[in-house]
Amino acid sequence: MTDEPIDFSRLDPTRDDVQFDQAVRRITSAAAPELARRRLRRSVWWQLTAWHKPVLAIGIAVLLVMIGATRFTGIADDSASAADDLSVALGVPVAMTDWVVTDTIPTTAQVLFPGEE
C-alpha cells in the first residue's frame, strides 16, 4: 500500500470535450419526451382535486367502520364501562385501563400486583 494519492483523471468525463458534448446531446435527446410529458402535467391543485373522490370514499368507509364498531361493541354507551369492557375484551386488567384513562403513574406494587389495592 502506498501513500501516493490515487489519480482519478481517467474518470473525468470532461477530459475529451467532443465526446462529453456528444454524451450530453444523447442524454438530452433521450430525456426530451419525458421532460415534455412532465411539462404538460397539471398543477398541484389539479392533482389534489383529482384525488378528492378516492380520498373522500376511503374517509367515509373508515367512518362507517368506526361507527359500526362502536355500535356493536357498546363502546359509545358509557365511557367508564366502555373502558372496562374494552380492557376485558383485550385481556388487560381494568386497573391498567384506569391508569391510562386518569393519566396516573402507578407504583411498582400496583404494576406487579394489579388487583391487590
PDB file of N, CA and C in Angstrom:
ATOM      1  N   MET A   1       0.845  -1.162   0.000  1.00  0.00           N
ATOM      2  CA  MET A   1       0.000   0.000   0.000  1.00  0.00           C
ATOM      3  C   MET A   1       0.903   1.241   0.000  1.00  0.00           C
ATOM      4  N   THR A   2       0.521   2.234  -0.799  1.00  0.00           N
ATOM      5  CA  THR A   2       1.337   3.443  -0.885  1.00  0.00           C
ATOM      6  C   THR A   2       0.552   4.640  -0.364  1.00  0.00           C
ATOM      7  N   ASP A   3       1.288   5.670  -0.017  1.00  0.00           N
ATOM      8  CA  ASP A   3       0.669   6.902   0.465  1.00  0.00           C
ATOM      9  C   ASP A   3       0.437   7.899  -0.660  1.00  0.00           C
ATOM     10  N   GLU A   4       0.711   7.497  -1.882  1.00  0.00           N
ATOM     11  CA  GLU A   4       0.521   8.392  -3.021  1.00  0.00           C
ATOM     12  C   GLU A   4      -0.976   8.529  -3.310  1.00  0.00           C
ATOM     13  N   PRO A   5      -1.411   9.732  -3.682  1.00  0.00           N
ATOM     14  CA  PRO A   5      -2.841   9.909  -3.993  1.00  0.00           C
ATOM     15  C   PRO A   5      -3.220   9.153  -5.272  1.00  0.00           C
ATOM     16  N   ILE A   6      -4.454   8.729  -5.307  1.00  0.00           N
ATOM     17  CA  ILE A   6      -4.947   7.995  -6.468  1.00  0.00           C
ATOM     18  C   ILE A   6      -5.268   8.990  -7.581  1.00  0.00           C
ATOM     19  N   ASP A   7      -4.882   8.639  -8.784  1.00  0.00           N
ATOM     20  CA  ASP A   7      -5.116   9.501  -9.946  1.00  0.00           C
ATOM     21  C   ASP A   7      -6.478   9.151 -10.546  1.00  0.00           C
ATOM     22  N   PHE A   8      -7.465  10.045 -10.372  1.00  0.00           N
ATOM     23  CA  PHE A   8      -8.809   9.827 -10.906  1.00  0.00           C
ATOM     24  C   PHE A   8      -9.030  10.566 -12.220  1.00  0.00           C
ATOM     25  N   SER A   9      -7.997  11.071 -12.832  1.00  0.00           N
ATOM     26  CA  SER A   9      -8.154  11.872 -14.046  1.00  0.00           C
ATOM     27  C   SER A   9      -8.742  11.056 -15.203  1.00  0.00           C
ATOM     28  N   ARG A  10      -8.535   9.770 -15.226  1.00  0.00           N
ATOM     29  CA  ARG A  10      -9.086   8.938 -16.303  1.00  0.00           C
ATOM     30  C   ARG A  10     -10.601   8.815 -16.198  1.00  0.00           C
ATOM     31  N   LEU A  11     -11.152   9.103 -15.013  1.00  0.00           N
ATOM     32  CA  LEU A  11     -12.602   9.029 -14.826  1.00  0.00           C
ATOM     33  C   LEU A  11     -13.303  10.348 -15.128  1.00  0.00           C
ATOM     34  N   ASP A  12     -12.556  11.400 -15.382  1.00  0.00           N
ATOM     35  CA  ASP A  12     -13.128  12.716 -15.643  1.00  0.00           C
ATOM     36  C   ASP A  12     -13.839  12.712 -16.996  1.00  0.00           C
ATOM     37  N   PRO A  13     -15.169  12.932 -17.023  1.00  0.00           N
ATOM     38  CA  PRO A  13     -15.880  12.885 -18.304  1.00  0.00           C
ATOM     39  C   PRO A  13     -15.594  14.088 -19.187  1.00  0.00           C
ATOM     40  N   THR A  14     -15.066  15.167 -18.625  1.00  0.00           N
ATOM     41  CA  THR A  14     -14.831  16.369 -19.427  1.00  0.00           C
ATOM     42  C   THR A  14     -13.429  16.434 -20.029  1.00  0.00           C
ATOM     43  N   ARG A  15     -12.638  15.398 -19.887  1.00  0.00           N
ATOM     44  CA  ARG A  15     -11.272  15.468 -20.424  1.00  0.00           C
ATOM     45  C   ARG A  15     -11.290  15.430 -21.950  1.00  0.00           C
ATOM     46  N   ASP A  16     -12.301  14.785 -22.550  1.00  0.00           N
ATOM     47  CA  ASP A  16     -12.472  14.819 -24.009  1.00  0.00           C
ATOM     48  C   ASP A  16     -13.743  15.616 -24.288  1.00  0.00           C
ATOM     49  N   ASP A  17     -13.572  16.888 -24.681  1.00  0.00           N
ATOM     50  CA  ASP A  17     -14.725  17.781 -24.837  1.00  0.00           C
ATOM     51  C   ASP A  17     -15.716  17.311 -25.892  1.00  0.00           C
ATOM     52  N   VAL A  18     -15.242  16.795 -26.995  1.00  0.00           N
ATOM     53  CA  VAL A  18     -16.130  16.360 -28.079  1.00  0.00           C
ATOM     54  C   VAL A  18     -16.980  15.183 -27.609  1.00  0.00           C
ATOM     55  N   GLN A  19     -16.355  14.218 -26.996  1.00  0.00           N
ATOM     56  CA  GLN A  19     -17.083  13.041 -26.525  1.00  0.00           C
ATOM     57  C   GLN A  19     -18.068  13.436 -25.422  1.00  0.00           C
ATOM     58  N   PHE A  20     -17.699  14.355 -24.549  1.00  0.00           N
ATOM     59  CA  PHE A  20     -18.570  14.798 -23.479  1.00  0.00           C
ATOM     60  C   PHE A  20     -19.795  15.523 -24.050  1.00  0.00           C
ATOM     61  N   ASP A  21     -19.584  16.391 -25.039  1.00  0.00           N
ATOM     62  CA  ASP A  21     -20.708  17.100 -25.659  1.00  0.00           C
ATOM     63  C   ASP A  21     -21.649  16.136 -26.362  1.00  0.00           C
ATOM     64  N   GLN A  22     -21.107  15.115 -27.016  1.00  0.00           N
ATOM     65  CA  GLN A  22     -21.958  14.114 -27.666  1.00  0.00           C
ATOM     66  C   GLN A  22     -22.788  13.353 -26.634  1.00  0.00           C
ATOM     67  N   ALA A  23     -22.186  13.006 -25.514  1.00  0.00           N
ATOM     68  CA  ALA A  23     -22.922  12.296 -24.469  1.00  0.00           C
ATOM     69  C   ALA A  23     -24.037  13.164 -23.898  1.00  0.00           C
ATOM     70  N   VAL A  24     -23.756  14.446 -23.696  1.00  0.00           N
ATOM     71  CA  VAL A  24     -24.784  15.360 -23.188  1.00  0.00           C
ATOM     72  C   VAL A  24     -25.925  15.471 -24.185  1.00  0.00           C
ATOM     73  N   ARG A  25     -25.614  15.583 -25.477  1.00  0.00           N
ATOM     74  CA  ARG A  25     -26.664  15.657 -26.503  1.00  0.00           C
ATOM     75  C   ARG A  25     -27.499  14.380 -26.555  1.00  0.00           C
ATOM     76  N   ARG A  26     -26.849  13.209 -26.439  1.00  0.00           N
ATOM     77  CA  ARG A  26     -27.592  11.939 -26.452  1.00  0.00           C
ATOM     78  C   ARG A  26     -28.537  11.858 -25.253  1.00  0.00           C
ATOM     79  N   ILE A  27     -28.049  12.224 -24.093  1.00  0.00           N
ATOM     80  CA  ILE A  27     -28.871  12.161 -22.885  1.00  0.00           C
ATOM     81  C   ILE A  27     -30.026  13.152 -22.971  1.00  0.00           C
ATOM     82  N   THR A  28     -29.752  14.353 -23.455  1.00  0.00           N
ATOM     83  CA  THR A  28     -30.788  15.370 -23.573  1.00  0.00           C
ATOM     84  C   THR A  28     -31.862  14.948 -24.570  1.00  0.00           C
ATOM     85  N   SER A  29     -31.451  14.380 -25.695  1.00  0.00           N
ATOM     86  CA  SER A  29     -32.448  13.953 -26.684  1.00  0.00           C
ATOM     87  C   SER A  29     -33.231  12.740 -26.196  1.00  0.00           C
ATOM     88  N   ALA A  30     -32.591  11.872 -25.431  1.00  0.00           N
ATOM     89  CA  ALA A  30     -33.311  10.714 -24.893  1.00  0.00           C
ATOM     90  C   ALA A  30     -34.298  11.133 -23.810  1.00  0.00           C
ATOM     91  N   ALA A  31     -33.981  12.191 -23.078  1.00  0.00           N
ATOM     92  CA  ALA A  31     -34.843  12.641 -21.995  1.00  0.00           C
ATOM     93  C   ALA A  31     -35.928  13.603 -22.464  1.00  0.00           C
ATOM     94  N   ALA A  32     -35.850  14.091 -23.681  1.00  0.00           N
ATOM     95  CA  ALA A  32     -36.782  15.100 -24.175  1.00  0.00           C
ATOM     96  C   ALA A  32     -38.253  14.671 -24.081  1.00  0.00           C
ATOM     97  N   PRO A  33     -38.619  13.455 -24.491  1.00  0.00           N
ATOM     98  CA  PRO A  33     -40.040  13.089 -24.386  1.00  0.00           C
ATOM     99  C   PRO A  33     -40.559  13.096 -22.938  1.00  0.00           C
ATOM    100  N   GLU A  34     -39.763  12.603 -22.029  1.00  0.00           N
ATOM    101  CA  GLU A  34     -40.185  12.586 -20.627  1.00  0.00           C
ATOM    102  C   GLU A  34     -40.284  13.998 -20.059  1.00  0.00           C
ATOM    103  N   LEU A  35     -39.341  14.848 -20.416  1.00  0.00           N
ATOM    104  CA  LEU A  35     -39.389  16.233 -19.944  1.00  0.00           C
ATOM    105  C   LEU A  35     -40.610  16.955 -20.509  1.00  0.00           C
ATOM    106  N   ALA A  36     -40.951  16.685 -21.761  1.00  0.00           N
ATOM    107  CA  ALA A  36     -42.153  17.293 -22.354  1.00  0.00           C
ATOM    108  C   ALA A  36     -43.405  16.795 -21.648  1.00  0.00           C
ATOM    109  N   ARG A  37     -43.446  15.515 -21.326  1.00  0.00           N
ATOM    110  CA  ARG A  37     -44.607  14.971 -20.623  1.00  0.00           C
ATOM    111  C   ARG A  37     -44.750  15.599 -19.240  1.00  0.00           C
ATOM    112  N   ARG A  38     -43.656  15.802 -18.570  1.00  0.00           N
ATOM    113  CA  ARG A  38     -43.699  16.416 -17.243  1.00  0.00           C
ATOM    114  C   ARG A  38     -44.128  17.873 -17.302  1.00  0.00           C
ATOM    115  N   ARG A  39     -43.780  18.568 -18.385  1.00  0.00           N
ATOM    116  CA  ARG A  39     -44.213  19.958 -18.520  1.00  0.00           C
ATOM    117  C   ARG A  39     -45.719  20.045 -18.715  1.00  0.00           C
ATOM    118  N   LEU A  40     -46.311  19.026 -19.329  1.00  0.00           N
ATOM    119  CA  LEU A  40     -47.751  19.022 -19.553  1.00  0.00           C
ATOM    120  C   LEU A  40     -48.540  18.603 -18.321  1.00  0.00           C
ATOM    121  N   ARG A  41     -47.858  18.110 -17.320  1.00  0.00           N
ATOM    122  CA  ARG A  41     -48.538  17.666 -16.102  1.00  0.00           C
ATOM    123  C   ARG A  41     -49.298  18.834 -15.492  1.00  0.00           C
ATOM    124  N   ARG A  42     -50.424  18.503 -14.925  1.00  0.00           N
ATOM    125  CA  ARG A  42     -51.272  19.531 -14.335  1.00  0.00           C
ATOM    126  C   ARG A  42     -50.633  20.123 -13.076  1.00  0.00           C
ATOM    127  N   SER A  43     -51.237  21.172 -12.596  1.00  0.00           N
ATOM    128  CA  SER A  43     -50.734  21.832 -11.399  1.00  0.00           C
ATOM    129  C   SER A  43     -50.995  20.969 -10.168  1.00  0.00           C
ATOM    130  N   VAL A  44     -50.426  21.385  -9.063  1.00  0.00           N
ATOM    131  CA  VAL A  44     -50.616  20.660  -7.802  1.00  0.00           C
ATOM    132  C   VAL A  44     -52.084  20.679  -7.400  1.00  0.00           C
ATOM    133  N   TRP A  45     -52.739  21.824  -7.580  1.00  0.00           N
ATOM    134  CA  TRP A  45     -54.153  21.917  -7.192  1.00  0.00           C
ATOM    135  C   TRP A  45     -55.014  20.997  -8.048  1.00  0.00           C
ATOM    136  N   TRP A  46     -54.694  20.867  -9.328  1.00  0.00           N
ATOM    137  CA  TRP A  46     -55.452  19.967 -10.188  1.00  0.00           C
ATOM    138  C   TRP A  46     -55.267  18.519  -9.719  1.00  0.00           C
ATOM    139  N   GLN A  47     -54.051  18.175  -9.362  1.00  0.00           N
ATOM    140  CA  GLN A  47     -53.793  16.813  -8.897  1.00  0.00           C
ATOM    141  C   GLN A  47     -54.527  16.534  -7.590  1.00  0.00           C
ATOM    142  N   LEU A  48     -54.564  17.524  -6.684  1.00  0.00           N
ATOM    143  CA  LEU A  48     -55.293  17.327  -5.426  1.00  0.00           C
ATOM    144  C   LEU A  48     -56.787  17.145  -5.671  1.00  0.00           C
ATOM    145  N   THR A  49     -57.346  17.914  -6.589  1.00  0.00           N
ATOM    146  CA  THR A  49     -58.778  17.752  -6.869  1.00  0.00           C
ATOM    147  C   THR A  49     -59.045  16.430  -7.582  1.00  0.00           C
ATOM    148  N   ALA A  50     -58.084  15.928  -8.329  1.00  0.00           N
ATOM    149  CA  ALA A  50     -58.273  14.632  -8.977  1.00  0.00           C
ATOM    150  C   ALA A  50     -58.330  13.505  -7.951  1.00  0.00           C
ATOM    151  N   TRP A  51     -57.688  13.695  -6.793  1.00  0.00           N
ATOM    152  CA  TRP A  51     -57.678  12.670  -5.753  1.00  0.00           C
ATOM    153  C   TRP A  51     -58.808  12.837  -4.745  1.00  0.00           C
ATOM    154  N   HIS A  52     -59.639  13.854  -4.864  1.00  0.00           N
ATOM    155  CA  HIS A  52     -60.632  14.095  -3.815  1.00  0.00           C
ATOM    156  C   HIS A  52     -61.666  12.982  -3.729  1.00  0.00           C
ATOM    157  N   LYS A  53     -62.046  12.393  -4.836  1.00  0.00           N
ATOM    158  CA  LYS A  53     -63.061  11.329  -4.780  1.00  0.00           C
ATOM    159  C   LYS A  53     -62.544  10.069  -4.075  1.00  0.00           C
ATOM    160  N   PRO A  54     -61.377   9.537  -4.419  1.00  0.00           N
ATOM    161  CA  PRO A  54     -60.901   8.349  -3.700  1.00  0.00           C
ATOM    162  C   PRO A  54     -60.646   8.614  -2.216  1.00  0.00           C
ATOM    163  N   VAL A  55     -60.097   9.778  -1.901  1.00  0.00           N
ATOM    164  CA  VAL A  55     -59.824  10.092  -0.501  1.00  0.00           C
ATOM    165  C   VAL A  55     -61.138  10.228   0.271  1.00  0.00           C
ATOM    166  N   LEU A  56     -62.110  10.868  -0.318  1.00  0.00           N
ATOM    167  CA  LEU A  56     -63.410  11.010   0.326  1.00  0.00           C
ATOM    168  C   LEU A  56     -64.071   9.645   0.525  1.00  0.00           C
ATOM    169  N   ALA A  57     -63.978   8.771  -0.457  1.00  0.00           N
ATOM    170  CA  ALA A  57     -64.565   7.438  -0.332  1.00  0.00           C
ATOM    171  C   ALA A  57     -63.885   6.635   0.775  1.00  0.00           C
ATOM    172  N   ILE A  58     -62.573   6.708   0.868  1.00  0.00           N
ATOM    173  CA  ILE A  58     -61.855   5.990   1.931  1.00  0.00           C
ATOM    174  C   ILE A  58     -62.218   6.562   3.291  1.00  0.00           C
ATOM    175  N   GLY A  59     -62.321   7.888   3.389  1.00  0.00           N
ATOM    176  CA  GLY A  59     -62.712   8.512   4.656  1.00  0.00           C
ATOM    177  C   GLY A  59     -64.096   8.089   5.102  1.00  0.00           C
ATOM    178  N   ILE A  60     -65.034   8.031   4.176  1.00  0.00           N
ATOM    179  CA  ILE A  60     -66.394   7.591   4.516  1.00  0.00           C
ATOM    180  C   ILE A  60     -66.391   6.128   4.936  1.00  0.00           C
ATOM    181  N   ALA A  61     -65.621   5.295   4.250  1.00  0.00           N
ATOM    182  CA  ALA A  61     -65.558   3.878   4.623  1.00  0.00           C
ATOM    183  C   ALA A  61     -64.987   3.703   6.027  1.00  0.00           C
ATOM    184  N   VAL A  62     -63.924   4.444   6.352  1.00  0.00           N
ATOM    185  CA  VAL A  62     -63.345   4.356   7.693  1.00  0.00           C
ATOM    186  C   VAL A  62     -64.345   4.831   8.730  1.00  0.00           C
ATOM    187  N   LEU A  63     -65.061   5.910   8.444  1.00  0.00           N
ATOM    188  CA  LEU A  63     -66.067   6.431   9.372  1.00  0.00           C
ATOM    189  C   LEU A  63     -67.172   5.406   9.603  1.00  0.00           C
ATOM    190  N   LEU A  64     -67.641   4.755   8.551  1.00  0.00           N
ATOM    191  CA  LEU A  64     -68.689   3.744   8.704  1.00  0.00           C
ATOM    192  C   LEU A  64     -68.210   2.550   9.522  1.00  0.00           C
ATOM    193  N   VAL A  65     -66.979   2.131   9.307  1.00  0.00           N
ATOM    194  CA  VAL A  65     -66.429   1.020  10.083  1.00  0.00           C
ATOM    195  C   VAL A  65     -66.327   1.407  11.554  1.00  0.00           C
ATOM    196  N   MET A  66     -65.884   2.631  11.827  1.00  0.00           N
ATOM    197  CA  MET A  66     -65.775   3.081  13.216  1.00  0.00           C
ATOM    198  C   MET A  66     -67.146   3.172  13.884  1.00  0.00           C
ATOM    199  N   ILE A  67     -68.145   3.695  13.168  1.00  0.00           N
ATOM    200  CA  ILE A  67     -69.499   3.783  13.731  1.00  0.00           C
ATOM    201  C   ILE A  67     -70.047   2.388  13.993  1.00  0.00           C
ATOM    202  N   GLY A  68     -69.845   1.497  13.051  1.00  0.00           N
ATOM    203  CA  GLY A  68     -70.312   0.127  13.243  1.00  0.00           C
ATOM    204  C   GLY A  68     -69.622  -0.556  14.406  1.00  0.00           C
ATOM    205  N   ALA A  69     -68.351  -0.342  14.538  1.00  0.00           N
ATOM    206  CA  ALA A  69     -67.613  -0.964  15.637  1.00  0.00           C
ATOM    207  C   ALA A  69     -68.079  -0.441  16.983  1.00  0.00           C
ATOM    208  N   THR A  70     -68.345   0.854  17.086  1.00  0.00           N
ATOM    209  CA  THR A  70     -68.803   1.392  18.370  1.00  0.00           C
ATOM    210  C   THR A  70     -70.220   0.951  18.691  1.00  0.00           C
ATOM    211  N   ARG A  71     -71.054   0.788  17.700  1.00  0.00           N
ATOM    212  CA  ARG A  71     -72.432   0.357  17.969  1.00  0.00           C
ATOM    213  C   ARG A  71     -72.491  -1.114  18.391  1.00  0.00           C
ATOM    214  N   PHE A  72     -71.704  -1.960  17.729  1.00  0.00           N
ATOM    215  CA  PHE A  72     -71.777  -3.390  18.031  1.00  0.00           C
ATOM    216  C   PHE A  72     -71.011  -3.768  19.290  1.00  0.00           C
ATOM    217  N   THR A  73     -69.995  -2.994  19.653  1.00  0.00           N
ATOM    218  CA  THR A  73     -69.248  -3.317  20.862  1.00  0.00           C
ATOM    219  C   THR A  73     -69.769  -2.587  22.078  1.00  0.00           C
ATOM    220  N   GLY A  74     -70.644  -1.599  21.889  1.00  0.00           N
ATOM    221  CA  GLY A  74     -71.214  -0.867  23.006  1.00  0.00           C
ATOM    222  C   GLY A  74     -70.272   0.160  23.580  1.00  0.00           C
ATOM    223  N   ILE A  75     -69.225   0.522  22.875  1.00  0.00           N
ATOM    224  CA  ILE A  75     -68.264   1.484  23.395  1.00  0.00           C
ATOM    225  C   ILE A  75     -68.887   2.870  23.485  1.00  0.00           C
ATOM    226  N   ALA A  76     -69.840   3.180  22.646  1.00  0.00           N
ATOM    227  CA  ALA A  76     -70.420   4.520  22.627  1.00  0.00           C
ATOM    228  C   ALA A  76     -71.378   4.760  23.789  1.00  0.00           C
ATOM    229  N   ASP A  77     -71.745   3.747  24.565  1.00  0.00           N
ATOM    230  CA  ASP A  77     -72.739   3.910  25.627  1.00  0.00           C
ATOM    231  C   ASP A  77     -72.216   4.744  26.784  1.00  0.00           C
ATOM    232  N   ASP A  78     -71.210   4.259  27.483  1.00  0.00           N
ATOM    233  CA  ASP A  78     -70.688   4.925  28.665  1.00  0.00           C
ATOM    234  C   ASP A  78     -69.174   4.777  28.648  1.00  0.00           C
ATOM    235  N   SER A  79     -68.467   5.888  28.813  1.00  0.00           N
ATOM    236  CA  SER A  79     -67.019   5.822  28.655  1.00  0.00           C
ATOM    237  C   SER A  79     -66.354   4.988  29.737  1.00  0.00           C
ATOM    238  N   ALA A  80     -66.864   5.052  30.991  1.00  0.00           N
ATOM    239  CA  ALA A  80     -66.247   4.261  32.071  1.00  0.00           C
ATOM    240  C   ALA A  80     -66.480   2.782  31.861  1.00  0.00           C
ATOM    241  N   SER A  81     -67.718   2.413  31.573  1.00  0.00           N
ATOM    242  CA  SER A  81     -67.991   0.992  31.350  1.00  0.00           C
ATOM    243  C   SER A  81     -67.383   0.532  30.028  1.00  0.00           C
ATOM    244  N   ALA A  82     -67.284   1.456  29.083  1.00  0.00           N
ATOM    245  CA  ALA A  82     -66.675   1.099  27.806  1.00  0.00           C
ATOM    246  C   ALA A  82     -65.198   0.769  28.001  1.00  0.00           C
ATOM    247  N   ALA A  83     -64.513   1.544  28.832  1.00  0.00           N
ATOM    248  CA  ALA A  83     -63.106   1.260  29.098  1.00  0.00           C
ATOM    249  C   ALA A  83     -62.951  -0.077  29.797  1.00  0.00           C
ATOM    250  N   ASP A  84     -63.867  -0.380  30.741  1.00  0.00           N
ATOM    251  CA  ASP A  84     -63.822  -1.668  31.425  1.00  0.00           C
ATOM    252  C   ASP A  84     -64.089  -2.804  30.454  1.00  0.00           C
ATOM    253  N   ASP A  85     -65.104  -2.632  29.597  1.00  0.00           N
ATOM    254  CA  ASP A  85     -65.430  -3.665  28.617  1.00  0.00           C
ATOM    255  C   ASP A  85     -64.268  -3.882  27.639  1.00  0.00           C
ATOM    256  N   LEU A  86     -63.653  -2.793  27.233  1.00  0.00           N
ATOM    257  CA  LEU A  86     -62.542  -2.902  26.297  1.00  0.00           C
ATOM    258  C   LEU A  86     -61.353  -3.597  26.947  1.00  0.00           C
ATOM    259  N   SER A  87     -61.080  -3.268  28.211  1.00  0.00           N
ATOM    260  CA  SER A  87     -59.956  -3.911  28.886  1.00  0.00           C
ATOM    261  C   SER A  87     -60.206  -5.401  29.064  1.00  0.00           C
ATOM    262  N   VAL A  88     -61.449  -5.778  29.351  1.00  0.00           N
ATOM    263  CA  VAL A  88     -61.781  -7.196  29.482  1.00  0.00           C
ATOM    264  C   VAL A  88     -61.648  -7.886  28.121  1.00  0.00           C
ATOM    265  N   ALA A  89     -62.116  -7.219  27.067  1.00  0.00           N
ATOM    266  CA  ALA A  89     -62.040  -7.811  25.729  1.00  0.00           C
ATOM    267  C   ALA A  89     -60.591  -7.990  25.281  1.00  0.00           C
ATOM    268  N   LEU A  90     -59.724  -7.069  25.681  1.00  0.00           N
ATOM    269  CA  LEU A  90     -58.323  -7.165  25.293  1.00  0.00           C
ATOM    270  C   LEU A  90     -57.502  -8.032  26.234  1.00  0.00           C
ATOM    271  N   GLY A  91     -58.084  -8.390  27.363  1.00  0.00           N
ATOM    272  CA  GLY A  91     -57.362  -9.195  28.328  1.00  0.00           C
ATOM    273  C   GLY A  91     -56.412  -8.380  29.185  1.00  0.00           C
ATOM    274  N   VAL A  92     -56.677  -7.102  29.322  1.00  0.00           N
ATOM    275  CA  VAL A  92     -55.860  -6.205  30.128  1.00  0.00           C
ATOM    276  C   VAL A  92     -56.604  -5.939  31.429  1.00  0.00           C
ATOM    277  N   PRO A  93     -55.933  -5.957  32.563  1.00  0.00           N
ATOM    278  CA  PRO A  93     -56.622  -5.665  33.819  1.00  0.00           C
ATOM    279  C   PRO A  93     -57.257  -4.274  33.806  1.00  0.00           C
ATOM    280  N   VAL A  94     -58.415  -4.169  34.447  1.00  0.00           N
ATOM    281  CA  VAL A  94     -59.161  -2.906  34.475  1.00  0.00           C
ATOM    282  C   VAL A  94     -58.332  -1.812  35.142  1.00  0.00           C
ATOM    283  N   ALA A  95     -57.519  -2.167  36.137  1.00  0.00           N
ATOM    284  CA  ALA A  95     -56.696  -1.170  36.817  1.00  0.00           C
ATOM    285  C   ALA A  95     -55.744  -0.487  35.842  1.00  0.00           C
ATOM    286  N   MET A  96     -55.194  -1.237  34.900  1.00  0.00           N
ATOM    287  CA  MET A  96     -54.286  -0.643  33.919  1.00  0.00           C
ATOM    288  C   MET A  96     -55.031   0.321  33.004  1.00  0.00           C
ATOM    289  N   THR A  97     -56.249  -0.012  32.650  1.00  0.00           N
ATOM    290  CA  THR A  97     -57.054   0.885  31.832  1.00  0.00           C
ATOM    291  C   THR A  97     -57.341   2.170  32.591  1.00  0.00           C
ATOM    292  N   ASP A  98     -57.616   2.056  33.898  1.00  0.00           N
ATOM    293  CA  ASP A  98     -57.858   3.240  34.717  1.00  0.00           C
ATOM    294  C   ASP A  98     -56.624   4.137  34.755  1.00  0.00           C
ATOM    295  N   TRP A  99     -55.437   3.564  34.811  1.00  0.00           N
ATOM    296  CA  TRP A  99     -54.217   4.370  34.817  1.00  0.00           C
ATOM    297  C   TRP A  99     -54.106   5.192  33.540  1.00  0.00           C
ATOM    298  N   VAL A 100     -54.467   4.568  32.429  1.00  0.00           N
ATOM    299  CA  VAL A 100     -54.393   5.269  31.150  1.00  0.00           C
ATOM    300  C   VAL A 100     -55.451   6.361  31.077  1.00  0.00           C
ATOM    301  N   VAL A 101     -56.685   6.030  31.488  1.00  0.00           N
ATOM    302  CA  VAL A 101     -57.780   6.994  31.400  1.00  0.00           C
ATOM    303  C   VAL A 101     -57.548   8.183  32.328  1.00  0.00           C
ATOM    304  N   THR A 102     -57.082   7.938  33.549  1.00  0.00           N
ATOM    305  CA  THR A 102     -56.881   9.017  34.515  1.00  0.00           C
ATOM    306  C   THR A 102     -55.505   9.647  34.409  1.00  0.00           C
ATOM    307  N   ASP A 103     -54.642   9.127  33.559  1.00  0.00           N
ATOM    308  CA  ASP A 103     -53.292   9.642  33.345  1.00  0.00           C
ATOM    309  C   ASP A 103     -52.492   9.685  34.647  1.00  0.00           C
ATOM    310  N   THR A 104     -52.517   8.566  35.352  1.00  0.00           N
ATOM    311  CA  THR A 104     -51.750   8.453  36.586  1.00  0.00           C
ATOM    312  C   THR A 104     -50.595   7.482  36.390  1.00  0.00           C
ATOM    313  N   ILE A 105     -49.557   7.691  37.172  1.00  0.00           N
ATOM    314  CA  ILE A 105     -48.392   6.811  37.104  1.00  0.00           C
ATOM    315  C   ILE A 105     -48.509   5.816  38.258  1.00  0.00           C
ATOM    316  N   PRO A 106     -48.583   4.521  37.943  1.00  0.00           N
ATOM    317  CA  PRO A 106     -48.752   3.539  39.009  1.00  0.00           C
ATOM    318  C   PRO A 106     -47.449   3.296  39.767  1.00  0.00           C
ATOM    319  N   THR A 107     -47.613   2.797  40.978  1.00  0.00           N
ATOM    320  CA  THR A 107     -46.443   2.414  41.765  1.00  0.00           C
ATOM    321  C   THR A 107     -45.958   1.057  41.280  1.00  0.00           C
ATOM    322  N   THR A 108     -44.800   0.659  41.743  1.00  0.00           N
ATOM    323  CA  THR A 108     -44.254  -0.645  41.365  1.00  0.00           C
ATOM    324  C   THR A 108     -45.157  -1.771  41.853  1.00  0.00           C
ATOM    325  N   ALA A 109     -45.692  -1.637  43.059  1.00  0.00           N
ATOM    326  CA  ALA A 109     -46.583  -2.660  43.605  1.00  0.00           C
ATOM    327  C   ALA A 109     -47.847  -2.777  42.780  1.00  0.00           C
ATOM    328  N   GLN A 110     -48.370  -1.652  42.314  1.00  0.00           N
ATOM    329  CA  GLN A 110     -49.583  -1.691  41.501  1.00  0.00           C
ATOM    330  C   GLN A 110     -49.322  -2.366  40.152  1.00  0.00           C
ATOM    331  N   VAL A 111     -48.145  -2.191  39.611  1.00  0.00           N
ATOM    332  CA  VAL A 111     -47.817  -2.839  38.348  1.00  0.00           C
ATOM    333  C   VAL A 111     -47.625  -4.324  38.527  1.00  0.00           C
ATOM    334  N   LEU A 112     -46.911  -4.712  39.598  1.00  0.00           N
ATOM    335  CA  LEU A 112     -46.625  -6.130  39.819  1.00  0.00           C
ATOM    336  C   LEU A 112     -47.857  -6.904  40.297  1.00  0.00           C
ATOM    337  N   PHE A 113     -48.703  -6.254  41.088  1.00  0.00           N
ATOM    338  CA  PHE A 113     -49.895  -6.910  41.637  1.00  0.00           C
ATOM    339  C   PHE A 113     -51.098  -6.023  41.371  1.00  0.00           C
ATOM    340  N   PRO A 114     -51.645  -6.019  40.126  1.00  0.00           N
ATOM    341  CA  PRO A 114     -52.648  -5.038  39.746  1.00  0.00           C
ATOM    342  C   PRO A 114     -53.983  -5.134  40.487  1.00  0.00           C
ATOM    343  N   GLY A 115     -54.389  -6.217  41.058  1.00  0.00           N
ATOM    344  CA  GLY A 115     -55.693  -6.281  41.671  1.00  0.00           C
ATOM    345  C   GLY A 115     -55.680  -6.212  43.194  1.00  0.00           C
ATOM    346  N   GLU A 116     -54.563  -5.910  43.812  1.00  0.00           N
ATOM    347  CA  GLU A 116     -54.440  -6.036  45.257  1.00  0.00           C
ATOM    348  C   GLU A 116     -54.510  -4.739  46.036  1.00  0.00           C
ATOM    349  N   GLU A 117     -54.962  -3.650  45.492  1.00  0.00           N
ATOM    350  CA  GLU A 117     -55.018  -2.406  46.288  1.00  0.00           C
ATOM    351  C   GLU A 117     -56.357  -1.815  46.330  1.00  0.00           C
TER     352      GLU A 117
END
